[in-house]
Amino acid sequence: MSLTPEQIKLLLALPQRRGGGRKKSGGIDTKVRDHATWFKLAHKLFDEDTQEMAECSNTECPDDRPKSMAVVAEVDGVLMCRHCFLNGWRTLNPNQQKLPT
């Protein structure tokens, strides 16, 4: 069964849908501090700005590995290692403001 010219005109007059029905993701929720979120982040070994190996911005970082083995990710504009990320360093939750010693 084919469409009549009137039906074609009506279909062409309808507003066009765009985007394919997929929702845009808002990015990675860094408030959730778990391993699954850590592995979703973009990791760095080398800092392009300073032309040196990347290192955690936390001065009291519990990771004692050499700088050449450090893997960091940028979280809300701050570079941090896996230990600091999972322990909640620089979170908005007041219960996670300090790292356990």
PDB file of N, CA and C in Angstrom:
ATOM      1  N   MET A   1       0.843  -1.175   0.000  1.00  0.00           N
ATOM      2  CA  MET A   1       0.000   0.000   0.000  1.00  0.00           C
ATOM      3  C   MET A   1       0.890   1.241   0.000  1.00  0.00           C
ATOM      4  N   SER A   2       0.715   2.081  -0.958  1.00  0.00           N
ATOM      5  CA  SER A   2       1.534   3.287  -1.070  1.00  0.00           C
ATOM      6  C   SER A   2       0.803   4.483  -0.465  1.00  0.00           C
ATOM      7  N   LEU A   3       1.556   5.516  -0.203  1.00  0.00           N
ATOM      8  CA  LEU A   3       1.001   6.733   0.365  1.00  0.00           C
ATOM      9  C   LEU A   3       0.440   7.630  -0.736  1.00  0.00           C
ATOM     10  N   THR A   4      -0.593   8.326  -0.378  1.00  0.00           N
ATOM     11  CA  THR A   4      -1.170   9.288  -1.327  1.00  0.00           C
ATOM     12  C   THR A   4      -0.365  10.580  -1.249  1.00  0.00           C
ATOM     13  N   PRO A   5      -0.474  11.431  -2.243  1.00  0.00           N
ATOM     14  CA  PRO A   5       0.249  12.717  -2.183  1.00  0.00           C
ATOM     15  C   PRO A   5      -0.148  13.563  -0.979  1.00  0.00           C
ATOM     16  N   GLU A   6      -1.387  13.491  -0.532  1.00  0.00           N
ATOM     17  CA  GLU A   6      -1.809  14.262   0.641  1.00  0.00           C
ATOM     18  C   GLU A   6      -1.138  13.737   1.909  1.00  0.00           C
ATOM     19  N   GLN A   7      -1.015  12.405   2.014  1.00  0.00           N
ATOM     20  CA  GLN A   7      -0.357  11.818   3.176  1.00  0.00           C
ATOM     21  C   GLN A   7       1.137  12.162   3.189  1.00  0.00           C
ATOM     22  N   ILE A   8       1.749  12.223   2.023  1.00  0.00           N
ATOM     23  CA  ILE A   8       3.166  12.590   1.940  1.00  0.00           C
ATOM     24  C   ILE A   8       3.364  14.029   2.390  1.00  0.00           C
ATOM     25  N   LYS A   9       2.465  14.935   1.968  1.00  0.00           N
ATOM     26  CA  LYS A   9       2.554  16.345   2.376  1.00  0.00           C
ATOM     27  C   LYS A   9       2.402  16.484   3.886  1.00  0.00           C
ATOM     28  N   LEU A  10       1.485  15.705   4.476  1.00  0.00           N
ATOM     29  CA  LEU A  10       1.293  15.764   5.927  1.00  0.00           C
ATOM     30  C   LEU A  10       2.543  15.268   6.669  1.00  0.00           C
ATOM     31  N   LEU A  11       3.138  14.206   6.186  1.00  0.00           N
ATOM     32  CA  LEU A  11       4.344  13.689   6.823  1.00  0.00           C
ATOM     33  C   LEU A  11       5.515  14.650   6.700  1.00  0.00           C
ATOM     34  N   LEU A  12       5.636  15.308   5.563  1.00  0.00           N
ATOM     35  CA  LEU A  12       6.716  16.281   5.386  1.00  0.00           C
ATOM     36  C   LEU A  12       6.509  17.537   6.225  1.00  0.00           C
ATOM     37  N   ALA A  13       5.280  17.832   6.583  1.00  0.00           N
ATOM     38  CA  ALA A  13       4.990  19.023   7.386  1.00  0.00           C
ATOM     39  C   ALA A  13       5.266  18.795   8.872  1.00  0.00           C
ATOM     40  N   LEU A  14       5.391  17.547   9.302  1.00  0.00           N
ATOM     41  CA  LEU A  14       5.671  17.256  10.712  1.00  0.00           C
ATOM     42  C   LEU A  14       7.082  17.710  11.081  1.00  0.00           C
ATOM     43  N   PRO A  15       7.272  18.166  12.341  1.00  0.00           N
ATOM     44  CA  PRO A  15       8.634  18.559  12.750  1.00  0.00           C
ATOM     45  C   PRO A  15       9.555  17.341  12.763  1.00  0.00           C
ATOM     46  N   GLN A  16      10.800  17.582  12.388  1.00  0.00           N
ATOM     47  CA  GLN A  16      11.786  16.508  12.298  1.00  0.00           C
ATOM     48  C   GLN A  16      12.400  16.234  13.665  1.00  0.00           C
ATOM     49  N   ARG A  17      12.524  14.962  14.013  1.00  0.00           N
ATOM     50  CA  ARG A  17      13.224  14.560  15.235  1.00  0.00           C
ATOM     51  C   ARG A  17      14.692  14.378  14.918  1.00  0.00           C
ATOM     52  N   ARG A  18      15.528  14.814  15.844  1.00  0.00           N
ATOM     53  CA  ARG A  18      16.962  14.666  15.655  1.00  0.00           C
ATOM     54  C   ARG A  18      17.567  14.024  16.884  1.00  0.00           C
ATOM     55  N   GLY A  19      18.675  13.368  16.711  1.00  0.00           N
ATOM     56  CA  GLY A  19      19.420  12.827  17.840  1.00  0.00           C
ATOM     57  C   GLY A  19      19.296  11.341  18.030  1.00  0.00           C
ATOM     58  N   GLY A  20      18.402  10.700  17.347  1.00  0.00           N
ATOM     59  CA  GLY A  20      18.321   9.253  17.435  1.00  0.00           C
ATOM     60  C   GLY A  20      17.755   8.709  18.729  1.00  0.00           C
ATOM     61  N   GLY A  21      17.234   9.560  19.598  1.00  0.00           N
ATOM     62  CA  GLY A  21      16.607   9.079  20.819  1.00  0.00           C
ATOM     63  C   GLY A  21      17.557   8.765  21.958  1.00  0.00           C
ATOM     64  N   ARG A  22      18.848   8.987  21.786  1.00  0.00           N
ATOM     65  CA  ARG A  22      19.803   8.710  22.858  1.00  0.00           C
ATOM     66  C   ARG A  22      19.962   9.940  23.734  1.00  0.00           C
ATOM     67  N   LYS A  23      20.070   9.708  25.028  1.00  0.00           N
ATOM     68  CA  LYS A  23      20.317  10.807  25.954  1.00  0.00           C
ATOM     69  C   LYS A  23      21.802  11.114  25.992  1.00  0.00           C
ATOM     70  N   LYS A  24      22.109  12.379  26.183  1.00  0.00           N
ATOM     71  CA  LYS A  24      23.508  12.758  26.369  1.00  0.00           C
ATOM     72  C   LYS A  24      23.893  12.463  27.809  1.00  0.00           C
ATOM     73  N   SER A  25      25.035  11.861  27.964  1.00  0.00           N
ATOM     74  CA  SER A  25      25.499  11.594  29.323  1.00  0.00           C
ATOM     75  C   SER A  25      26.136  12.861  29.882  1.00  0.00           C
ATOM     76  N   GLY A  26      25.967  13.058  31.156  1.00  0.00           N
ATOM     77  CA  GLY A  26      26.499  14.242  31.813  1.00  0.00           C
ATOM     78  C   GLY A  26      27.947  14.091  32.207  1.00  0.00           C
ATOM     79  N   GLY A  27      28.608  13.055  31.765  1.00  0.00           N
ATOM     80  CA  GLY A  27      29.991  12.830  32.144  1.00  0.00           C
ATOM     81  C   GLY A  27      30.074  11.825  33.268  1.00  0.00           C
ATOM     82  N   ILE A  28      31.232  11.726  33.850  1.00  0.00           N
ATOM     83  CA  ILE A  28      31.482  10.757  34.915  1.00  0.00           C
ATOM     84  C   ILE A  28      31.226  11.419  36.255  1.00  0.00           C
ATOM     85  N   ASP A  29      30.435  10.772  37.085  1.00  0.00           N
ATOM     86  CA  ASP A  29      30.134  11.292  38.416  1.00  0.00           C
ATOM     87  C   ASP A  29      31.303  10.959  39.347  1.00  0.00           C
ATOM     88  N   THR A  30      32.147  11.942  39.616  1.00  0.00           N
ATOM     89  CA  THR A  30      33.323  11.706  40.454  1.00  0.00           C
ATOM     90  C   THR A  30      33.006  11.770  41.940  1.00  0.00           C
ATOM     91  N   LYS A  31      31.744  12.008  42.291  1.00  0.00           N
ATOM     92  CA  LYS A  31      31.367  11.955  43.703  1.00  0.00           C
ATOM     93  C   LYS A  31      31.321  10.519  44.196  1.00  0.00           C
ATOM     94  N   VAL A  32      31.120   9.593  43.267  1.00  0.00           N
ATOM     95  CA  VAL A  32      31.139   8.174  43.612  1.00  0.00           C
ATOM     96  C   VAL A  32      32.589   7.724  43.555  1.00  0.00           C
ATOM     97  N   ARG A  33      33.143   7.371  44.690  1.00  0.00           N
ATOM     98  CA  ARG A  33      34.562   7.016  44.763  1.00  0.00           C
ATOM     99  C   ARG A  33      34.705   5.506  44.903  1.00  0.00           C
ATOM    100  N   ASP A  34      34.650   4.799  43.779  1.00  0.00           N
ATOM    101  CA  ASP A  34      34.857   3.357  43.789  1.00  0.00           C
ATOM    102  C   ASP A  34      35.733   2.968  42.601  1.00  0.00           C
ATOM    103  N   HIS A  35      36.082   1.682  42.535  1.00  0.00           N
ATOM    104  CA  HIS A  35      36.971   1.222  41.469  1.00  0.00           C
ATOM    105  C   HIS A  35      36.355   1.382  40.084  1.00  0.00           C
ATOM    106  N   ALA A  36      35.052   1.155  39.957  1.00  0.00           N
ATOM    107  CA  ALA A  36      34.395   1.277  38.649  1.00  0.00           C
ATOM    108  C   ALA A  36      34.513   2.705  38.119  1.00  0.00           C
ATOM    109  N   THR A  37      34.348   3.695  38.976  1.00  0.00           N
ATOM    110  CA  THR A  37      34.483   5.094  38.558  1.00  0.00           C
ATOM    111  C   THR A  37      35.935   5.410  38.218  1.00  0.00           C
ATOM    112  N   TRP A  38      36.877   4.887  39.000  1.00  0.00           N
ATOM    113  CA  TRP A  38      38.300   5.133  38.740  1.00  0.00           C
ATOM    114  C   TRP A  38      38.687   4.655  37.344  1.00  0.00           C
ATOM    115  N   PHE A  39      38.219   3.481  36.945  1.00  0.00           N
ATOM    116  CA  PHE A  39      38.598   2.944  35.646  1.00  0.00           C
ATOM    117  C   PHE A  39      37.898   3.644  34.483  1.00  0.00           C
ATOM    118  N   LYS A  40      36.850   4.420  34.754  1.00  0.00           N
ATOM    119  CA  LYS A  40      36.192   5.202  33.703  1.00  0.00           C
ATOM    120  C   LYS A  40      36.970   6.487  33.382  1.00  0.00           C
ATOM    121  N   LEU A  41      37.795   6.946  34.300  1.00  0.00           N
ATOM    122  CA  LEU A  41      38.520   8.206  34.123  1.00  0.00           C
ATOM    123  C   LEU A  41      39.668   8.040  33.127  1.00  0.00           C
ATOM    124  N   ALA A  42      40.094   9.162  32.556  1.00  0.00           N
ATOM    125  CA  ALA A  42      41.244   9.168  31.654  1.00  0.00           C
ATOM    126  C   ALA A  42      42.513   9.246  32.496  1.00  0.00           C
ATOM    127  N   HIS A  43      43.346   8.220  32.391  1.00  0.00           N
ATOM    128  CA  HIS A  43      44.559   8.134  33.206  1.00  0.00           C
ATOM    129  C   HIS A  43      45.762   8.716  32.465  1.00  0.00           C
ATOM    130  N   LYS A  44      46.699   9.224  33.249  1.00  0.00           N
ATOM    131  CA  LYS A  44      47.902   9.849  32.692  1.00  0.00           C
ATOM    132  C   LYS A  44      49.146   9.282  33.353  1.00  0.00           C
ATOM    133  N   LEU A  45      50.184   9.164  32.571  1.00  0.00           N
ATOM    134  CA  LEU A  45      51.516   8.858  33.094  1.00  0.00           C
ATOM    135  C   LEU A  45      52.441  10.053  32.911  1.00  0.00           C
ATOM    136  N   PHE A  46      52.131  10.888  31.927  1.00  0.00           N
ATOM    137  CA  PHE A  46      52.978  12.011  31.546  1.00  0.00           C
ATOM    138  C   PHE A  46      52.142  13.277  31.542  1.00  0.00           C
ATOM    139  N   ASP A  47      52.654  14.331  32.134  1.00  0.00           N
ATOM    140  CA  ASP A  47      51.967  15.622  32.166  1.00  0.00           C
ATOM    141  C   ASP A  47      52.460  16.469  31.007  1.00  0.00           C
ATOM    142  N   GLU A  48      51.566  16.748  30.067  1.00  0.00           N
ATOM    143  CA  GLU A  48      51.963  17.493  28.870  1.00  0.00           C
ATOM    144  C   GLU A  48      52.338  18.945  29.183  1.00  0.00           C
ATOM    145  N   ASP A  49      51.752  19.514  30.235  1.00  0.00           N
ATOM    146  CA  ASP A  49      52.024  20.916  30.572  1.00  0.00           C
ATOM    147  C   ASP A  49      53.449  21.114  31.093  1.00  0.00           C
ATOM    148  N   THR A  50      53.887  20.251  31.987  1.00  0.00           N
ATOM    149  CA  THR A  50      55.213  20.409  32.588  1.00  0.00           C
ATOM    150  C   THR A  50      56.289  19.587  31.883  1.00  0.00           C
ATOM    151  N   GLN A  51      55.904  18.730  30.945  1.00  0.00           N
ATOM    152  CA  GLN A  51      56.820  17.856  30.220  1.00  0.00           C
ATOM    153  C   GLN A  51      57.575  16.920  31.165  1.00  0.00           C
ATOM    154  N   GLU A  52      56.923  16.507  32.259  1.00  0.00           N
ATOM    155  CA  GLU A  52      57.506  15.582  33.219  1.00  0.00           C
ATOM    156  C   GLU A  52      56.511  14.474  33.507  1.00  0.00           C
ATOM    157  N   MET A  53      56.942  13.508  34.298  1.00  0.00           N
ATOM    158  CA  MET A  53      56.041  12.439  34.709  1.00  0.00           C
ATOM    159  C   MET A  53      54.933  13.033  35.574  1.00  0.00           C
ATOM    160  N   ALA A  54      53.725  12.530  35.398  1.00  0.00           N
ATOM    161  CA  ALA A  54      52.591  13.038  36.175  1.00  0.00           C
ATOM    162  C   ALA A  54      52.685  12.520  37.602  1.00  0.00           C
ATOM    163  N   GLU A  55      52.246  13.341  38.555  1.00  0.00           N
ATOM    164  CA  GLU A  55      52.259  12.915  39.943  1.00  0.00           C
ATOM    165  C   GLU A  55      51.034  13.463  40.660  1.00  0.00           C
ATOM    166  N   CYS A  56      50.678  12.814  41.730  1.00  0.00           N
ATOM    167  CA  CYS A  56      49.504  13.179  42.519  1.00  0.00           C
ATOM    168  C   CYS A  56      49.706  14.566  43.136  1.00  0.00           C
ATOM    169  N   SER A  57      48.649  15.354  43.174  1.00  0.00           N
ATOM    170  CA  SER A  57      48.726  16.706  43.733  1.00  0.00           C
ATOM    171  C   SER A  57      48.643  16.730  45.248  1.00  0.00           C
ATOM    172  N   ASN A  58      48.271  15.612  45.857  1.00  0.00           N
ATOM    173  CA  ASN A  58      48.158  15.533  47.309  1.00  0.00           C
ATOM    174  C   ASN A  58      49.549  15.488  47.923  1.00  0.00           C
ATOM    175  N   THR A  59      49.856  16.458  48.779  1.00  0.00           N
ATOM    176  CA  THR A  59      51.176  16.493  49.413  1.00  0.00           C
ATOM    177  C   THR A  59      51.330  15.383  50.457  1.00  0.00           C
ATOM    178  N   GLU A  60      50.219  14.865  50.962  1.00  0.00           N
ATOM    179  CA  GLU A  60      50.256  13.788  51.941  1.00  0.00           C
ATOM    180  C   GLU A  60      49.778  12.480  51.325  1.00  0.00           C
ATOM    181  N   CYS A  61      50.145  12.248  50.091  1.00  0.00           N
ATOM    182  CA  CYS A  61      49.704  11.064  49.351  1.00  0.00           C
ATOM    183  C   CYS A  61      50.245   9.786  50.003  1.00  0.00           C
ATOM    184  N   PRO A  62      49.393   8.795  50.251  1.00  0.00           N
ATOM    185  CA  PRO A  62      49.871   7.559  50.883  1.00  0.00           C
ATOM    186  C   PRO A  62      50.586   6.613  49.919  1.00  0.00           C
ATOM    187  N   ASP A  63      50.568   6.887  48.631  1.00  0.00           N
ATOM    188  CA  ASP A  63      51.220   6.023  47.648  1.00  0.00           C
ATOM    189  C   ASP A  63      52.719   6.292  47.673  1.00  0.00           C
ATOM    190  N   ASP A  64      53.514   5.291  48.069  1.00  0.00           N
ATOM    191  CA  ASP A  64      54.951   5.489  48.200  1.00  0.00           C
ATOM    192  C   ASP A  64      55.744   4.900  47.036  1.00  0.00           C
ATOM    193  N   ARG A  65      55.057   4.586  45.943  1.00  0.00           N
ATOM    194  CA  ARG A  65      55.771   4.063  44.773  1.00  0.00           C
ATOM    195  C   ARG A  65      56.564   5.189  44.100  1.00  0.00           C
ATOM    196  N   PRO A  66      57.575   4.838  43.300  1.00  0.00           N
ATOM    197  CA  PRO A  66      58.337   5.873  42.590  1.00  0.00           C
ATOM    198  C   PRO A  66      57.449   6.639  41.612  1.00  0.00           C
ATOM    199  N   LYS A  67      57.865   7.854  41.319  1.00  0.00           N
ATOM    200  CA  LYS A  67      57.089   8.716  40.436  1.00  0.00           C
ATOM    201  C   LYS A  67      56.929   8.111  39.043  1.00  0.00           C
ATOM    202  N   SER A  68      57.865   7.300  38.621  1.00  0.00           N
ATOM    203  CA  SER A  68      57.794   6.697  37.295  1.00  0.00           C
ATOM    204  C   SER A  68      56.688   5.652  37.188  1.00  0.00           C
ATOM    205  N   MET A  69      56.178   5.179  38.315  1.00  0.00           N
ATOM    206  CA  MET A  69      55.113   4.179  38.305  1.00  0.00           C
ATOM    207  C   MET A  69      53.752   4.775  38.629  1.00  0.00           C
ATOM    208  N   ALA A  70      53.697   6.060  38.862  1.00  0.00           N
ATOM    209  CA  ALA A  70      52.454   6.697  39.280  1.00  0.00           C
ATOM    210  C   ALA A  70      51.496   6.857  38.101  1.00  0.00           C
ATOM    211  N   VAL A  71      50.267   6.449  38.316  1.00  0.00           N
ATOM    212  CA  VAL A  71      49.203   6.656  37.341  1.00  0.00           C
ATOM    213  C   VAL A  71      48.209   7.587  38.010  1.00  0.00           C
ATOM    214  N   VAL A  72      47.933   8.699  37.374  1.00  0.00           N
ATOM    215  CA  VAL A  72      47.016   9.673  37.949  1.00  0.00           C
ATOM    216  C   VAL A  72      45.873   9.944  36.971  1.00  0.00           C
ATOM    217  N   ALA A  73      44.822  10.534  37.499  1.00  0.00           N
ATOM    218  CA  ALA A  73      43.693  10.959  36.688  1.00  0.00           C
ATOM    219  C   ALA A  73      43.305  12.358  37.130  1.00  0.00           C
ATOM    220  N   GLU A  74      42.784  13.135  36.199  1.00  0.00           N
ATOM    221  CA  GLU A  74      42.352  14.484  36.534  1.00  0.00           C
ATOM    222  C   GLU A  74      40.909  14.413  37.013  1.00  0.00           C
ATOM    223  N   VAL A  75      40.709  14.788  38.272  1.00  0.00           N
ATOM    224  CA  VAL A  75      39.386  14.764  38.885  1.00  0.00           C
ATOM    225  C   VAL A  75      39.053  16.184  39.315  1.00  0.00           C
ATOM    226  N   ASP A  76      38.081  16.774  38.675  1.00  0.00           N
ATOM    227  CA  ASP A  76      37.661  18.144  38.970  1.00  0.00           C
ATOM    228  C   ASP A  76      38.834  19.121  38.910  1.00  0.00           C
ATOM    229  N   GLY A  77      39.719  18.947  37.942  1.00  0.00           N
ATOM    230  CA  GLY A  77      40.835  19.859  37.728  1.00  0.00           C
ATOM    231  C   GLY A  77      42.064  19.578  38.567  1.00  0.00           C
ATOM    232  N   VAL A  78      42.075  18.498  39.339  1.00  0.00           N
ATOM    233  CA  VAL A  78      43.198  18.155  40.207  1.00  0.00           C
ATOM    234  C   VAL A  78      43.691  16.759  39.841  1.00  0.00           C
ATOM    235  N   LEU A  79      45.008  16.606  39.731  1.00  0.00           N
ATOM    236  CA  LEU A  79      45.575  15.283  39.460  1.00  0.00           C
ATOM    237  C   LEU A  79      45.651  14.490  40.755  1.00  0.00           C
ATOM    238  N   MET A  80      45.133  13.265  40.730  1.00  0.00           N
ATOM    239  CA  MET A  80      45.219  12.420  41.916  1.00  0.00           C
ATOM    240  C   MET A  80      45.408  10.965  41.528  1.00  0.00           C
ATOM    241  N   CYS A  81      46.077  10.246  42.417  1.00  0.00           N
ATOM    242  CA  CYS A  81      46.336   8.827  42.191  1.00  0.00           C
ATOM    243  C   CYS A  81      45.123   8.009  42.630  1.00  0.00           C
ATOM    244  N   ARG A  82      45.216   6.718  42.402  1.00  0.00           N
ATOM    245  CA  ARG A  82      44.112   5.814  42.732  1.00  0.00           C
ATOM    246  C   ARG A  82      43.845   5.801  44.234  1.00  0.00           C
ATOM    247  N   HIS A  83      44.907   5.810  45.056  1.00  0.00           N
ATOM    248  CA  HIS A  83      44.736   5.761  46.507  1.00  0.00           C
ATOM    249  C   HIS A  83      43.974   6.990  47.011  1.00  0.00           C
ATOM    250  N   CYS A  84      44.372   8.152  46.559  1.00  0.00           N
ATOM    251  CA  CYS A  84      43.708   9.383  47.000  1.00  0.00           C
ATOM    252  C   CYS A  84      42.273   9.444  46.495  1.00  0.00           C
ATOM    253  N   PHE A  85      42.047   8.979  45.267  1.00  0.00           N
ATOM    254  CA  PHE A  85      40.692   8.975  44.711  1.00  0.00           C
ATOM    255  C   PHE A  85      39.774   8.064  45.519  1.00  0.00           C
ATOM    256  N   LEU A  86      40.215   6.841  45.769  1.00  0.00           N
ATOM    257  CA  LEU A  86      39.364   5.889  46.487  1.00  0.00           C
ATOM    258  C   LEU A  86      39.166   6.262  47.947  1.00  0.00           C
ATOM    259  N   ASN A  87      40.145   6.942  48.543  1.00  0.00           N
ATOM    260  CA  ASN A  87      40.013   7.356  49.944  1.00  0.00           C
ATOM    261  C   ASN A  87      39.249   8.662  50.102  1.00  0.00           C
ATOM    262  N   GLY A  88      38.853   9.267  48.994  1.00  0.00           N
ATOM    263  CA  GLY A  88      37.979  10.436  49.072  1.00  0.00           C
ATOM    264  C   GLY A  88      38.677  11.762  49.250  1.00  0.00           C
ATOM    265  N   TRP A  89      39.919  11.890  48.824  1.00  0.00           N
ATOM    266  CA  TRP A  89      40.617  13.168  48.957  1.00  0.00           C
ATOM    267  C   TRP A  89      39.941  14.215  48.083  1.00  0.00           C
ATOM    268  N   ARG A  90      39.697  15.392  48.620  1.00  0.00           N
ATOM    269  CA  ARG A  90      39.079  16.544  47.949  1.00  0.00           C
ATOM    270  C   ARG A  90      37.662  16.256  47.481  1.00  0.00           C
ATOM    271  N   THR A  91      36.872  15.621  48.302  1.00  0.00           N
ATOM    272  CA  THR A  91      35.469  15.409  47.969  1.00  0.00           C
ATOM    273  C   THR A  91      34.623  16.455  48.655  1.00  0.00           C
ATOM    274  N   LEU A  92      33.383  16.552  48.225  1.00  0.00           N
ATOM    275  CA  LEU A  92      32.466  17.503  48.836  1.00  0.00           C
ATOM    276  C   LEU A  92      31.810  16.932  50.087  1.00  0.00           C
ATOM    277  N   ASN A  93      31.925  15.621  50.277  1.00  0.00           N
ATOM    278  CA  ASN A  93      31.353  14.971  51.448  1.00  0.00           C
ATOM    279  C   ASN A  93      32.244  15.261  52.656  1.00  0.00           C
ATOM    280  N   PRO A  94      31.730  15.903  53.721  1.00  0.00           N
ATOM    281  CA  PRO A  94      32.592  16.223  54.869  1.00  0.00           C
ATOM    282  C   PRO A  94      33.125  14.991  55.587  1.00  0.00           C
ATOM    283  N   ASN A  95      32.472  13.840  55.427  1.00  0.00           N
ATOM    284  CA  ASN A  95      32.969  12.629  56.056  1.00  0.00           C
ATOM    285  C   ASN A  95      34.191  12.059  55.341  1.00  0.00           C
ATOM    286  N   GLN A  96      34.498  12.574  54.147  1.00  0.00           N
ATOM    287  CA  GLN A  96      35.611  12.059  53.377  1.00  0.00           C
ATOM    288  C   GLN A  96      36.704  13.104  53.172  1.00  0.00           C
ATOM    289  N   GLN A  97      36.763  14.115  53.991  1.00  0.00           N
ATOM    290  CA  GLN A  97      37.731  15.186  53.809  1.00  0.00           C
ATOM    291  C   GLN A  97      39.149  14.797  54.188  1.00  0.00           C
ATOM    292  N   LYS A  98      39.351  13.830  55.084  1.00  0.00           N
ATOM    293  CA  LYS A  98      40.683  13.449  55.530  1.00  0.00           C
ATOM    294  C   LYS A  98      40.960  12.017  55.167  1.00  0.00           C
ATOM    295  N   LEU A  99      42.189  11.770  54.821  1.00  0.00           N
ATOM    296  CA  LEU A  99      42.614  10.393  54.571  1.00  0.00           C
ATOM    297  C   LEU A  99      42.938   9.727  55.899  1.00  0.00           C
ATOM    298  N   PRO A 100      42.584   8.465  56.058  1.00  0.00           N
ATOM    299  CA  PRO A 100      42.950   7.791  57.311  1.00  0.00           C
ATOM    300  C   PRO A 100      44.457   7.597  57.398  1.00  0.00           C
ATOM    301  N   THR A 101      45.000   7.750  58.595  1.00  0.00           N
ATOM    302  CA  THR A 101      46.444   7.598  58.777  1.00  0.00           C
ATOM    303  C   THR A 101      46.767   6.347  59.557  1.00  0.00           C
TER     304      THR A 101
END
